[in-house]
Amino acid sequence: MTTAIIGTGNIGSSVARHLVQGGEPVVLAARDQSHAESLAAELGALASSASVGDAVSQAEAVVMAVWLDTEKELISQLSDALVGKVVIDPTNPIGPDGHGGYTTTLPEGQSAASIVADLLPDGAHFVKAFGTLGADALGSAANRPSGRAVLFYATDDDAAAETVERLIRVAGFDPVKAGGIEAAGRLELMRGDLHQNGGLGGRLLNADEARASL
């Protein structure tokens, strides 16, 4: 199975690195394709780069590691190509607050996941995942000697759940399902109680702690 990772910022790069280290082929795409090419060269034989459209066509799963507005544009452009794909959304709906920090960009009660799910074509398999840790922790906490950290996910789709659980394990974390898409807001900054930098107050949870928090 090949996983396309769209976006090579902190989240996309960390997911790509962990998957390759776990033996998973990835194809990388970015707005500036030179970034994808450089990361693929760094990661070695299991990584390649392609245009966004070609990356999606080559993959069974697609990680949309981009800002929400960009993700919405990509879904519109790639709608037909996403049919049959597992679409993984790590996006947190945040933006600059004008004071050096960040604030949520969505009204109370609305999640990025619900917006993305509504935009995807019939036949796409959608799951919210890989976005519940801060960038530093996602980059450094895989395969912890003290016990695996958890990545929560949310989906209503059994095929998406099966795929993302395997990818989370390959990446060096333990998967815990928080619920269906109606629960996805719990996984997102700034309001989510299951986000490391939201309600978890910086903590990394193991699987037992994560299940107890649901």
N, C-alpha and C. Protein backbone atom coordinates (compact mmCIF):
# COMPACT_ATOMS: atom_id res chain seq x y z
N MET A 1 0.84 -1.20 0.00
CA MET A 1 0.00 0.00 0.00
C MET A 1 0.87 1.24 0.00
N THR A 2 0.50 2.24 -0.78
CA THR A 2 1.22 3.51 -0.83
C THR A 2 0.35 4.60 -0.23
N THR A 3 0.97 5.46 0.56
CA THR A 3 0.28 6.59 1.17
C THR A 3 0.79 7.89 0.55
N ALA A 4 -0.11 8.70 0.03
CA ALA A 4 0.24 10.03 -0.45
C ALA A 4 0.16 11.01 0.71
N ILE A 5 1.15 11.86 0.82
CA ILE A 5 1.14 12.90 1.83
C ILE A 5 1.22 14.23 1.11
N ILE A 6 0.14 14.99 1.24
CA ILE A 6 0.04 16.28 0.57
C ILE A 6 0.39 17.35 1.59
N GLY A 7 1.53 18.00 1.40
CA GLY A 7 2.02 18.99 2.35
C GLY A 7 3.25 18.46 3.06
N THR A 8 4.31 19.26 3.08
CA THR A 8 5.57 18.83 3.67
C THR A 8 6.02 19.78 4.79
N GLY A 9 5.04 20.36 5.49
CA GLY A 9 5.35 21.12 6.69
C GLY A 9 5.65 20.18 7.84
N ASN A 10 5.53 20.69 9.07
CA ASN A 10 5.91 19.89 10.23
C ASN A 10 5.11 18.59 10.33
N ILE A 11 3.80 18.67 10.12
CA ILE A 11 2.96 17.48 10.28
C ILE A 11 3.21 16.49 9.14
N GLY A 12 3.14 16.96 7.91
CA GLY A 12 3.34 16.07 6.78
C GLY A 12 4.72 15.42 6.78
N SER A 13 5.75 16.19 7.11
CA SER A 13 7.10 15.64 7.13
C SER A 13 7.25 14.58 8.21
N SER A 14 6.68 14.83 9.39
CA SER A 14 6.78 13.85 10.47
C SER A 14 6.05 12.57 10.12
N VAL A 15 4.84 12.68 9.59
CA VAL A 15 4.09 11.48 9.20
C VAL A 15 4.87 10.70 8.14
N ALA A 16 5.39 11.39 7.15
CA ALA A 16 6.17 10.72 6.10
C ALA A 16 7.37 10.01 6.69
N ARG A 17 8.10 10.68 7.54
CA ARG A 17 9.31 10.10 8.13
C ARG A 17 8.97 8.84 8.93
N HIS A 18 7.94 8.92 9.76
CA HIS A 18 7.58 7.76 10.59
C HIS A 18 7.10 6.59 9.73
N LEU A 19 6.32 6.86 8.71
CA LEU A 19 5.83 5.78 7.87
C LEU A 19 6.97 5.09 7.13
N VAL A 20 7.89 5.86 6.60
CA VAL A 20 9.04 5.27 5.91
C VAL A 20 9.88 4.46 6.88
N GLN A 21 10.10 4.98 8.07
CA GLN A 21 10.87 4.23 9.06
C GLN A 21 10.18 2.92 9.44
N GLY A 22 8.85 2.89 9.31
CA GLY A 22 8.10 1.68 9.57
C GLY A 22 7.95 0.77 8.35
N GLY A 23 8.56 1.15 7.23
CA GLY A 23 8.54 0.32 6.04
C GLY A 23 7.42 0.59 5.07
N GLU A 24 6.76 1.74 5.20
CA GLU A 24 5.60 2.07 4.37
C GLU A 24 6.02 2.98 3.21
N PRO A 25 5.70 2.63 1.96
CA PRO A 25 6.00 3.53 0.84
C PRO A 25 5.13 4.79 0.90
N VAL A 26 5.74 5.93 0.60
CA VAL A 26 5.00 7.19 0.57
C VAL A 26 5.34 7.94 -0.72
N VAL A 27 4.39 8.72 -1.19
CA VAL A 27 4.62 9.64 -2.29
C VAL A 27 4.23 11.03 -1.81
N LEU A 28 5.12 11.98 -1.99
CA LEU A 28 5.01 13.31 -1.40
C LEU A 28 4.68 14.35 -2.46
N ALA A 29 3.82 15.29 -2.06
CA ALA A 29 3.50 16.42 -2.94
C ALA A 29 3.38 17.67 -2.09
N ALA A 30 3.70 18.81 -2.68
CA ALA A 30 3.66 20.08 -1.95
C ALA A 30 3.42 21.21 -2.93
N ARG A 31 2.97 22.34 -2.38
CA ARG A 31 2.77 23.52 -3.23
C ARG A 31 4.07 23.88 -3.94
N ASP A 32 5.19 23.87 -3.20
CA ASP A 32 6.52 24.03 -3.79
C ASP A 32 7.10 22.62 -3.94
N GLN A 33 7.07 22.10 -5.15
CA GLN A 33 7.43 20.70 -5.36
C GLN A 33 8.88 20.41 -4.99
N SER A 34 9.72 21.44 -4.96
CA SER A 34 11.11 21.20 -4.56
C SER A 34 11.21 20.73 -3.12
N HIS A 35 10.26 21.15 -2.27
CA HIS A 35 10.25 20.68 -0.88
C HIS A 35 9.94 19.18 -0.83
N ALA A 36 8.99 18.75 -1.63
CA ALA A 36 8.66 17.32 -1.68
C ALA A 36 9.83 16.52 -2.23
N GLU A 37 10.49 17.03 -3.25
CA GLU A 37 11.63 16.33 -3.83
C GLU A 37 12.77 16.21 -2.82
N SER A 38 13.03 17.27 -2.06
CA SER A 38 14.10 17.24 -1.07
C SER A 38 13.80 16.24 0.04
N LEU A 39 12.56 16.24 0.52
CA LEU A 39 12.20 15.31 1.59
C LEU A 39 12.25 13.87 1.09
N ALA A 40 11.78 13.62 -0.12
CA ALA A 40 11.84 12.27 -0.67
C ALA A 40 13.28 11.79 -0.78
N ALA A 41 14.18 12.67 -1.22
CA ALA A 41 15.58 12.30 -1.33
C ALA A 41 16.17 11.98 0.04
N GLU A 42 15.78 12.74 1.05
CA GLU A 42 16.25 12.50 2.42
C GLU A 42 15.76 11.16 2.95
N LEU A 43 14.51 10.81 2.65
CA LEU A 43 13.90 9.61 3.23
C LEU A 43 14.31 8.33 2.53
N GLY A 44 14.78 8.40 1.30
CA GLY A 44 15.32 7.22 0.65
C GLY A 44 14.36 6.49 -0.26
N ALA A 45 14.64 5.21 -0.47
CA ALA A 45 14.02 4.44 -1.55
C ALA A 45 12.51 4.28 -1.40
N LEU A 46 11.99 4.31 -0.18
CA LEU A 46 10.56 4.14 0.02
C LEU A 46 9.76 5.41 -0.22
N ALA A 47 10.44 6.51 -0.49
CA ALA A 47 9.77 7.80 -0.69
C ALA A 47 10.01 8.30 -2.11
N SER A 48 8.97 8.87 -2.69
CA SER A 48 9.07 9.51 -3.99
C SER A 48 8.28 10.81 -3.95
N SER A 49 8.41 11.61 -4.99
CA SER A 49 7.65 12.86 -5.07
C SER A 49 6.90 12.89 -6.39
N ALA A 50 5.81 13.64 -6.39
CA ALA A 50 4.97 13.75 -7.59
C ALA A 50 4.12 14.99 -7.46
N SER A 51 3.45 15.36 -8.54
CA SER A 51 2.45 16.41 -8.44
C SER A 51 1.33 15.94 -7.54
N VAL A 52 0.51 16.87 -7.07
CA VAL A 52 -0.58 16.48 -6.17
C VAL A 52 -1.50 15.46 -6.85
N GLY A 53 -1.89 15.72 -8.07
CA GLY A 53 -2.79 14.81 -8.77
C GLY A 53 -2.18 13.43 -8.97
N ASP A 54 -0.91 13.39 -9.35
CA ASP A 54 -0.26 12.10 -9.56
C ASP A 54 -0.06 11.36 -8.24
N ALA A 55 0.25 12.10 -7.17
CA ALA A 55 0.41 11.46 -5.86
C ALA A 55 -0.88 10.78 -5.43
N VAL A 56 -1.99 11.47 -5.60
CA VAL A 56 -3.29 10.88 -5.23
C VAL A 56 -3.58 9.65 -6.06
N SER A 57 -3.31 9.71 -7.35
CA SER A 57 -3.63 8.57 -8.23
C SER A 57 -2.78 7.35 -7.91
N GLN A 58 -1.57 7.55 -7.38
CA GLN A 58 -0.67 6.45 -7.07
C GLN A 58 -0.96 5.78 -5.73
N ALA A 59 -1.79 6.41 -4.90
CA ALA A 59 -1.92 5.99 -3.50
C ALA A 59 -3.28 5.39 -3.21
N GLU A 60 -3.31 4.59 -2.15
CA GLU A 60 -4.57 4.09 -1.61
C GLU A 60 -5.09 4.97 -0.49
N ALA A 61 -4.17 5.63 0.23
CA ALA A 61 -4.53 6.54 1.32
C ALA A 61 -3.88 7.89 1.06
N VAL A 62 -4.58 8.96 1.44
CA VAL A 62 -4.11 10.33 1.19
C VAL A 62 -4.18 11.12 2.48
N VAL A 63 -3.03 11.62 2.96
CA VAL A 63 -2.98 12.46 4.15
C VAL A 63 -2.95 13.91 3.69
N MET A 64 -3.97 14.68 4.07
CA MET A 64 -4.08 16.08 3.66
C MET A 64 -3.45 16.98 4.73
N ALA A 65 -2.13 17.06 4.74
CA ALA A 65 -1.41 17.79 5.77
C ALA A 65 -1.21 19.25 5.35
N VAL A 66 -2.33 19.94 5.19
CA VAL A 66 -2.34 21.33 4.71
C VAL A 66 -3.35 22.12 5.54
N TRP A 67 -3.33 23.44 5.39
CA TRP A 67 -4.32 24.27 6.06
C TRP A 67 -5.72 23.96 5.53
N LEU A 68 -6.73 24.22 6.34
CA LEU A 68 -8.09 23.86 5.98
C LEU A 68 -8.53 24.49 4.66
N ASP A 69 -8.25 25.78 4.45
CA ASP A 69 -8.68 26.42 3.20
C ASP A 69 -8.03 25.76 1.99
N THR A 70 -6.76 25.37 2.13
CA THR A 70 -6.08 24.66 1.04
C THR A 70 -6.70 23.30 0.82
N GLU A 71 -7.02 22.61 1.90
CA GLU A 71 -7.65 21.29 1.78
C GLU A 71 -8.98 21.39 1.03
N LYS A 72 -9.76 22.41 1.34
CA LYS A 72 -11.04 22.59 0.65
C LYS A 72 -10.83 22.79 -0.85
N GLU A 73 -9.83 23.58 -1.21
CA GLU A 73 -9.53 23.79 -2.63
C GLU A 73 -9.10 22.50 -3.31
N LEU A 74 -8.25 21.72 -2.62
CA LEU A 74 -7.76 20.48 -3.20
C LEU A 74 -8.88 19.47 -3.41
N ILE A 75 -9.79 19.39 -2.45
CA ILE A 75 -10.91 18.45 -2.60
C ILE A 75 -11.75 18.83 -3.82
N SER A 76 -11.97 20.12 -4.02
CA SER A 76 -12.72 20.56 -5.19
C SER A 76 -12.02 20.18 -6.49
N GLN A 77 -10.70 20.35 -6.51
CA GLN A 77 -9.93 20.05 -7.71
C GLN A 77 -9.78 18.56 -7.98
N LEU A 78 -9.74 17.76 -6.91
CA LEU A 78 -9.39 16.34 -7.02
C LEU A 78 -10.57 15.41 -6.75
N SER A 79 -11.76 15.94 -6.74
CA SER A 79 -12.92 15.19 -6.26
C SER A 79 -13.02 13.80 -6.88
N ASP A 80 -12.96 13.71 -8.20
CA ASP A 80 -13.11 12.41 -8.86
C ASP A 80 -11.99 11.46 -8.47
N ALA A 81 -10.78 11.99 -8.32
CA ALA A 81 -9.63 11.14 -8.00
C ALA A 81 -9.67 10.60 -6.58
N LEU A 82 -10.45 11.23 -5.71
CA LEU A 82 -10.51 10.80 -4.31
C LEU A 82 -11.52 9.68 -4.08
N VAL A 83 -12.33 9.37 -5.07
CA VAL A 83 -13.29 8.27 -4.93
C VAL A 83 -12.51 6.97 -4.73
N GLY A 84 -12.87 6.23 -3.70
CA GLY A 84 -12.20 4.98 -3.39
C GLY A 84 -10.97 5.13 -2.52
N LYS A 85 -10.50 6.35 -2.28
CA LYS A 85 -9.32 6.57 -1.45
C LYS A 85 -9.72 6.72 0.02
N VAL A 86 -8.81 6.35 0.90
CA VAL A 86 -8.93 6.70 2.32
C VAL A 86 -8.33 8.09 2.49
N VAL A 87 -9.14 9.05 2.87
CA VAL A 87 -8.70 10.45 3.01
C VAL A 87 -8.53 10.74 4.50
N ILE A 88 -7.30 11.07 4.87
CA ILE A 88 -6.93 11.28 6.27
C ILE A 88 -6.70 12.77 6.49
N ASP A 89 -7.43 13.32 7.45
CA ASP A 89 -7.42 14.77 7.70
C ASP A 89 -6.82 15.06 9.08
N PRO A 90 -5.58 15.59 9.13
CA PRO A 90 -5.01 15.99 10.42
C PRO A 90 -5.21 17.46 10.75
N THR A 91 -5.98 18.17 9.94
CA THR A 91 -6.05 19.62 10.01
C THR A 91 -6.64 20.13 11.32
N ASN A 92 -6.01 21.15 11.88
CA ASN A 92 -6.57 21.88 13.01
C ASN A 92 -7.01 23.26 12.53
N PRO A 93 -8.26 23.64 12.79
CA PRO A 93 -8.80 24.89 12.25
C PRO A 93 -8.36 26.10 13.06
N ILE A 94 -7.09 26.47 12.89
CA ILE A 94 -6.54 27.59 13.65
C ILE A 94 -5.90 28.59 12.70
N GLY A 95 -5.73 29.81 13.20
CA GLY A 95 -5.05 30.86 12.46
C GLY A 95 -4.46 31.86 13.43
N PRO A 96 -3.61 32.77 12.95
CA PRO A 96 -3.00 33.77 13.84
C PRO A 96 -4.04 34.62 14.54
N ASP A 97 -3.78 34.92 15.82
CA ASP A 97 -4.74 35.74 16.58
C ASP A 97 -4.38 37.22 16.60
N GLY A 98 -3.28 37.59 15.90
CA GLY A 98 -2.85 38.98 15.85
C GLY A 98 -1.98 39.40 17.02
N HIS A 99 -1.74 38.48 17.95
CA HIS A 99 -0.93 38.79 19.13
C HIS A 99 0.20 37.79 19.30
N GLY A 100 0.60 37.16 18.22
CA GLY A 100 1.70 36.20 18.28
C GLY A 100 1.27 34.78 18.60
N GLY A 101 -0.01 34.55 18.76
CA GLY A 101 -0.52 33.22 19.05
C GLY A 101 -1.50 32.77 18.00
N TYR A 102 -2.33 31.80 18.37
CA TYR A 102 -3.31 31.25 17.44
C TYR A 102 -4.69 31.24 18.06
N THR A 103 -5.68 31.24 17.19
CA THR A 103 -7.07 31.15 17.63
C THR A 103 -7.83 30.26 16.66
N THR A 104 -8.95 29.73 17.10
CA THR A 104 -9.76 28.91 16.21
C THR A 104 -10.40 29.77 15.12
N THR A 105 -10.57 29.17 13.96
CA THR A 105 -11.16 29.89 12.83
C THR A 105 -12.60 29.47 12.56
N LEU A 106 -13.15 28.61 13.42
CA LEU A 106 -14.51 28.10 13.21
C LEU A 106 -15.39 28.43 14.41
N PRO A 107 -16.69 28.57 14.18
CA PRO A 107 -17.60 28.86 15.29
C PRO A 107 -17.75 27.66 16.22
N GLU A 108 -18.20 27.92 17.42
CA GLU A 108 -18.46 26.87 18.40
C GLU A 108 -19.37 25.81 17.78
N GLY A 109 -18.99 24.54 18.00
CA GLY A 109 -19.82 23.44 17.54
C GLY A 109 -19.52 22.94 16.14
N GLN A 110 -18.63 23.62 15.42
CA GLN A 110 -18.27 23.19 14.07
C GLN A 110 -16.83 22.69 14.07
N SER A 111 -16.57 21.60 13.37
CA SER A 111 -15.22 21.06 13.28
C SER A 111 -14.73 21.11 11.84
N ALA A 112 -13.40 21.14 11.70
CA ALA A 112 -12.83 21.04 10.35
C ALA A 112 -13.23 19.72 9.70
N ALA A 113 -13.28 18.66 10.51
CA ALA A 113 -13.62 17.35 9.97
C ALA A 113 -15.02 17.33 9.36
N SER A 114 -15.97 17.99 10.01
CA SER A 114 -17.33 17.99 9.47
C SER A 114 -17.39 18.72 8.14
N ILE A 115 -16.60 19.78 8.00
CA ILE A 115 -16.55 20.52 6.74
C ILE A 115 -15.95 19.65 5.64
N VAL A 116 -14.83 19.01 5.95
CA VAL A 116 -14.16 18.16 4.97
C VAL A 116 -15.05 17.00 4.56
N ALA A 117 -15.67 16.36 5.54
CA ALA A 117 -16.53 15.21 5.24
C ALA A 117 -17.66 15.59 4.29
N ASP A 118 -18.21 16.77 4.46
CA ASP A 118 -19.31 17.22 3.59
C ASP A 118 -18.84 17.52 2.16
N LEU A 119 -17.56 17.87 2.01
CA LEU A 119 -17.03 18.22 0.69
C LEU A 119 -16.58 17.02 -0.12
N LEU A 120 -16.24 15.93 0.55
CA LEU A 120 -15.69 14.77 -0.14
C LEU A 120 -16.76 14.08 -1.00
N PRO A 121 -16.33 13.48 -2.10
CA PRO A 121 -17.29 12.79 -2.97
C PRO A 121 -17.78 11.49 -2.35
N ASP A 122 -18.94 11.03 -2.77
CA ASP A 122 -19.39 9.70 -2.38
C ASP A 122 -18.34 8.68 -2.83
N GLY A 123 -18.05 7.74 -1.96
CA GLY A 123 -17.06 6.72 -2.29
C GLY A 123 -15.70 6.99 -1.70
N ALA A 124 -15.44 8.19 -1.20
CA ALA A 124 -14.22 8.45 -0.44
C ALA A 124 -14.42 7.96 0.99
N HIS A 125 -13.35 7.47 1.60
CA HIS A 125 -13.40 6.92 2.95
C HIS A 125 -12.66 7.89 3.88
N PHE A 126 -13.41 8.59 4.71
CA PHE A 126 -12.85 9.72 5.46
C PHE A 126 -12.56 9.38 6.91
N VAL A 127 -11.43 9.88 7.40
CA VAL A 127 -11.06 9.70 8.80
C VAL A 127 -10.26 10.91 9.28
N LYS A 128 -10.55 11.35 10.49
CA LYS A 128 -9.77 12.40 11.16
C LYS A 128 -8.67 11.73 11.95
N ALA A 129 -7.41 12.06 11.66
CA ALA A 129 -6.30 11.39 12.34
C ALA A 129 -4.99 12.14 12.10
N PHE A 130 -4.00 11.81 12.91
CA PHE A 130 -2.64 12.33 12.83
C PHE A 130 -2.55 13.81 13.19
N GLY A 131 -3.59 14.36 13.85
CA GLY A 131 -3.54 15.77 14.20
C GLY A 131 -3.72 16.05 15.67
N THR A 132 -3.65 15.02 16.53
CA THR A 132 -3.97 15.23 17.95
C THR A 132 -2.75 15.48 18.82
N LEU A 133 -1.56 15.53 18.23
CA LEU A 133 -0.36 15.91 18.96
C LEU A 133 0.19 17.20 18.36
N GLY A 134 0.90 17.97 19.20
CA GLY A 134 1.63 19.10 18.68
C GLY A 134 2.72 18.63 17.73
N ALA A 135 3.21 19.54 16.90
CA ALA A 135 4.19 19.16 15.88
C ALA A 135 5.44 18.56 16.50
N ASP A 136 5.92 19.13 17.60
CA ASP A 136 7.14 18.60 18.23
C ASP A 136 6.93 17.18 18.72
N ALA A 137 5.81 16.94 19.39
CA ALA A 137 5.55 15.60 19.92
C ALA A 137 5.33 14.59 18.79
N LEU A 138 4.60 14.99 17.76
CA LEU A 138 4.40 14.08 16.64
C LEU A 138 5.74 13.69 16.02
N GLY A 139 6.67 14.63 15.99
CA GLY A 139 7.97 14.35 15.41
C GLY A 139 8.86 13.48 16.27
N SER A 140 8.69 13.57 17.60
CA SER A 140 9.66 12.93 18.50
C SER A 140 9.14 11.77 19.32
N ALA A 141 7.82 11.58 19.39
CA ALA A 141 7.26 10.62 20.36
C ALA A 141 6.95 9.25 19.78
N ALA A 142 7.29 8.99 18.54
CA ALA A 142 7.03 7.67 17.96
C ALA A 142 7.90 6.62 18.64
N ASN A 143 7.32 5.43 18.84
CA ASN A 143 8.06 4.29 19.39
C ASN A 143 8.77 4.63 20.70
N ARG A 144 8.06 5.29 21.62
CA ARG A 144 8.66 5.63 22.92
C ARG A 144 9.07 4.37 23.67
N PRO A 145 10.29 4.33 24.23
CA PRO A 145 10.70 3.17 25.02
C PRO A 145 9.82 2.94 26.24
N SER A 146 9.24 4.02 26.77
CA SER A 146 8.40 3.92 27.97
C SER A 146 6.98 3.45 27.66
N GLY A 147 6.67 3.23 26.40
CA GLY A 147 5.32 2.83 25.99
C GLY A 147 4.80 3.77 24.92
N ARG A 148 4.10 3.23 23.97
CA ARG A 148 3.66 4.02 22.83
C ARG A 148 2.66 5.10 23.23
N ALA A 149 2.85 6.28 22.65
CA ALA A 149 1.86 7.35 22.80
C ALA A 149 0.69 7.07 21.86
N VAL A 150 -0.47 7.61 22.22
CA VAL A 150 -1.69 7.41 21.45
C VAL A 150 -1.91 8.52 20.44
N LEU A 151 -2.41 8.13 19.28
CA LEU A 151 -3.03 9.06 18.34
C LEU A 151 -4.51 8.70 18.26
N PHE A 152 -5.36 9.63 18.66
CA PHE A 152 -6.80 9.43 18.52
C PHE A 152 -7.21 9.59 17.05
N TYR A 153 -8.29 8.91 16.69
CA TYR A 153 -8.88 9.13 15.37
C TYR A 153 -10.40 9.08 15.49
N ALA A 154 -11.07 9.61 14.46
CA ALA A 154 -12.54 9.61 14.43
C ALA A 154 -13.00 9.33 13.01
N THR A 155 -13.96 8.42 12.89
CA THR A 155 -14.50 8.09 11.57
C THR A 155 -15.81 7.34 11.72
N ASP A 156 -16.62 7.41 10.67
CA ASP A 156 -17.83 6.59 10.56
C ASP A 156 -17.64 5.45 9.57
N ASP A 157 -16.43 5.29 9.06
CA ASP A 157 -16.17 4.41 7.93
C ASP A 157 -15.26 3.27 8.37
N ASP A 158 -15.73 2.03 8.26
CA ASP A 158 -14.94 0.88 8.71
C ASP A 158 -13.66 0.70 7.91
N ALA A 159 -13.71 0.93 6.60
CA ALA A 159 -12.52 0.79 5.78
C ALA A 159 -11.47 1.83 6.17
N ALA A 160 -11.91 3.05 6.42
CA ALA A 160 -10.99 4.10 6.85
C ALA A 160 -10.39 3.77 8.20
N ALA A 161 -11.20 3.23 9.12
CA ALA A 161 -10.70 2.88 10.44
C ALA A 161 -9.62 1.81 10.35
N GLU A 162 -9.86 0.79 9.56
CA GLU A 162 -8.88 -0.29 9.42
C GLU A 162 -7.56 0.23 8.86
N THR A 163 -7.65 1.07 7.84
CA THR A 163 -6.43 1.61 7.22
C THR A 163 -5.68 2.52 8.17
N VAL A 164 -6.37 3.43 8.83
CA VAL A 164 -5.67 4.40 9.66
C VAL A 164 -5.10 3.75 10.91
N GLU A 165 -5.77 2.74 11.44
CA GLU A 165 -5.19 2.04 12.59
C GLU A 165 -3.86 1.40 12.21
N ARG A 166 -3.81 0.79 11.03
CA ARG A 166 -2.55 0.18 10.59
C ARG A 166 -1.47 1.23 10.39
N LEU A 167 -1.82 2.35 9.76
CA LEU A 167 -0.82 3.40 9.52
C LEU A 167 -0.33 4.01 10.83
N ILE A 168 -1.22 4.21 11.78
CA ILE A 168 -0.81 4.77 13.07
C ILE A 168 0.18 3.83 13.75
N ARG A 169 -0.09 2.53 13.69
CA ARG A 169 0.84 1.57 14.30
C ARG A 169 2.18 1.55 13.56
N VAL A 170 2.13 1.56 12.24
CA VAL A 170 3.37 1.60 11.46
C VAL A 170 4.19 2.83 11.82
N ALA A 171 3.50 3.94 12.08
CA ALA A 171 4.18 5.20 12.41
C ALA A 171 4.75 5.22 13.83
N GLY A 172 4.45 4.21 14.64
CA GLY A 172 5.04 4.14 15.97
C GLY A 172 4.17 4.62 17.10
N PHE A 173 2.85 4.66 16.88
CA PHE A 173 1.90 5.11 17.89
C PHE A 173 0.82 4.04 18.07
N ASP A 174 0.00 4.20 19.10
CA ASP A 174 -1.16 3.34 19.30
C ASP A 174 -2.42 4.09 18.88
N PRO A 175 -3.29 3.48 18.07
CA PRO A 175 -4.54 4.12 17.67
C PRO A 175 -5.65 3.90 18.69
N VAL A 176 -6.42 4.94 18.97
CA VAL A 176 -7.62 4.83 19.81
C VAL A 176 -8.73 5.62 19.12
N LYS A 177 -9.85 4.94 18.87
CA LYS A 177 -10.97 5.60 18.21
C LYS A 177 -11.76 6.42 19.22
N ALA A 178 -11.94 7.72 18.90
CA ALA A 178 -12.71 8.61 19.77
C ALA A 178 -14.20 8.55 19.48
N GLY A 179 -14.56 8.04 18.30
CA GLY A 179 -15.96 7.98 17.91
C GLY A 179 -16.09 8.25 16.43
N GLY A 180 -17.31 8.58 16.02
CA GLY A 180 -17.55 8.94 14.63
C GLY A 180 -17.18 10.39 14.36
N ILE A 181 -17.52 10.86 13.16
CA ILE A 181 -17.15 12.22 12.78
C ILE A 181 -17.77 13.25 13.72
N GLU A 182 -18.90 12.92 14.33
CA GLU A 182 -19.49 13.86 15.29
C GLU A 182 -18.58 14.11 16.48
N ALA A 183 -17.62 13.21 16.73
CA ALA A 183 -16.67 13.37 17.84
C ALA A 183 -15.38 14.04 17.41
N ALA A 184 -15.22 14.36 16.12
CA ALA A 184 -13.94 14.84 15.62
C ALA A 184 -13.53 16.17 16.22
N GLY A 185 -14.48 17.01 16.60
CA GLY A 185 -14.13 18.27 17.23
C GLY A 185 -13.33 18.09 18.51
N ARG A 186 -13.49 16.95 19.17
CA ARG A 186 -12.72 16.67 20.38
C ARG A 186 -11.23 16.50 20.08
N LEU A 187 -10.90 16.26 18.82
CA LEU A 187 -9.52 16.00 18.41
C LEU A 187 -8.82 17.26 17.91
N GLU A 188 -9.53 18.38 17.80
CA GLU A 188 -9.00 19.55 17.12
C GLU A 188 -8.69 20.70 18.09
N LEU A 189 -7.60 21.42 17.78
CA LEU A 189 -7.35 22.69 18.46
C LEU A 189 -8.38 23.72 17.97
N MET A 190 -8.82 24.66 18.78
CA MET A 190 -8.32 24.94 20.12
C MET A 190 -9.20 24.32 21.21
N ARG A 191 -10.36 23.81 20.85
CA ARG A 191 -11.35 23.43 21.85
C ARG A 191 -11.31 21.96 22.23
N GLY A 192 -10.60 21.14 21.49
CA GLY A 192 -10.70 19.71 21.67
C GLY A 192 -10.10 19.20 22.97
N ASP A 193 -10.88 18.45 23.72
CA ASP A 193 -10.39 17.92 25.00
C ASP A 193 -9.45 16.74 24.82
N LEU A 194 -9.34 16.19 23.59
CA LEU A 194 -8.45 15.07 23.34
C LEU A 194 -7.21 15.47 22.54
N HIS A 195 -7.00 16.77 22.37
CA HIS A 195 -5.78 17.24 21.71
C HIS A 195 -4.71 17.52 22.77
N GLN A 196 -3.49 17.12 22.47
CA GLN A 196 -2.40 17.31 23.42
C GLN A 196 -2.30 18.75 23.90
N ASN A 197 -2.42 19.69 22.98
CA ASN A 197 -2.27 21.10 23.33
C ASN A 197 -3.60 21.79 23.56
N GLY A 198 -4.66 21.01 23.67
CA GLY A 198 -5.98 21.50 24.06
C GLY A 198 -6.28 21.04 25.47
N GLY A 199 -7.31 20.21 25.59
CA GLY A 199 -7.74 19.78 26.91
C GLY A 199 -6.78 18.87 27.65
N LEU A 200 -5.82 18.26 26.95
CA LEU A 200 -4.87 17.37 27.62
C LEU A 200 -3.73 18.11 28.28
N GLY A 201 -3.65 19.41 28.09
CA GLY A 201 -2.66 20.21 28.81
C GLY A 201 -1.22 19.79 28.57
N GLY A 202 -0.91 19.34 27.36
CA GLY A 202 0.45 18.96 27.01
C GLY A 202 0.78 17.50 27.24
N ARG A 203 -0.12 16.75 27.83
CA ARG A 203 0.18 15.35 28.16
C ARG A 203 0.12 14.44 26.93
N LEU A 204 0.98 13.43 26.94
CA LEU A 204 0.90 12.31 26.01
C LEU A 204 0.27 11.14 26.75
N LEU A 205 -0.72 10.51 26.16
CA LEU A 205 -1.43 9.42 26.82
C LEU A 205 -1.01 8.08 26.25
N ASN A 206 -0.98 7.04 27.11
CA ASN A 206 -0.88 5.69 26.59
C ASN A 206 -2.28 5.17 26.30
N ALA A 207 -2.38 3.95 25.80
CA ALA A 207 -3.68 3.46 25.34
C ALA A 207 -4.69 3.35 26.47
N ASP A 208 -4.26 2.87 27.64
CA ASP A 208 -5.19 2.75 28.76
C ASP A 208 -5.70 4.11 29.21
N GLU A 209 -4.78 5.08 29.29
CA GLU A 209 -5.18 6.43 29.68
C GLU A 209 -6.12 7.05 28.65
N ALA A 210 -5.84 6.79 27.37
CA ALA A 210 -6.66 7.36 26.30
C ALA A 210 -8.08 6.80 26.35
N ARG A 211 -8.20 5.51 26.52
CA ARG A 211 -9.54 4.91 26.57
C ARG A 211 -10.31 5.39 27.79
N ALA A 212 -9.61 5.61 28.89
CA ALA A 212 -10.27 6.10 30.10
C ALA A 212 -10.76 7.53 29.94
N SER A 213 -10.18 8.27 28.99
CA SER A 213 -10.55 9.68 28.80
C SER A 213 -11.77 9.86 27.90
N LEU A 214 -12.22 8.79 27.27
CA LEU A 214 -13.33 8.91 26.32
C LEU A 214 -14.67 9.03 27.04
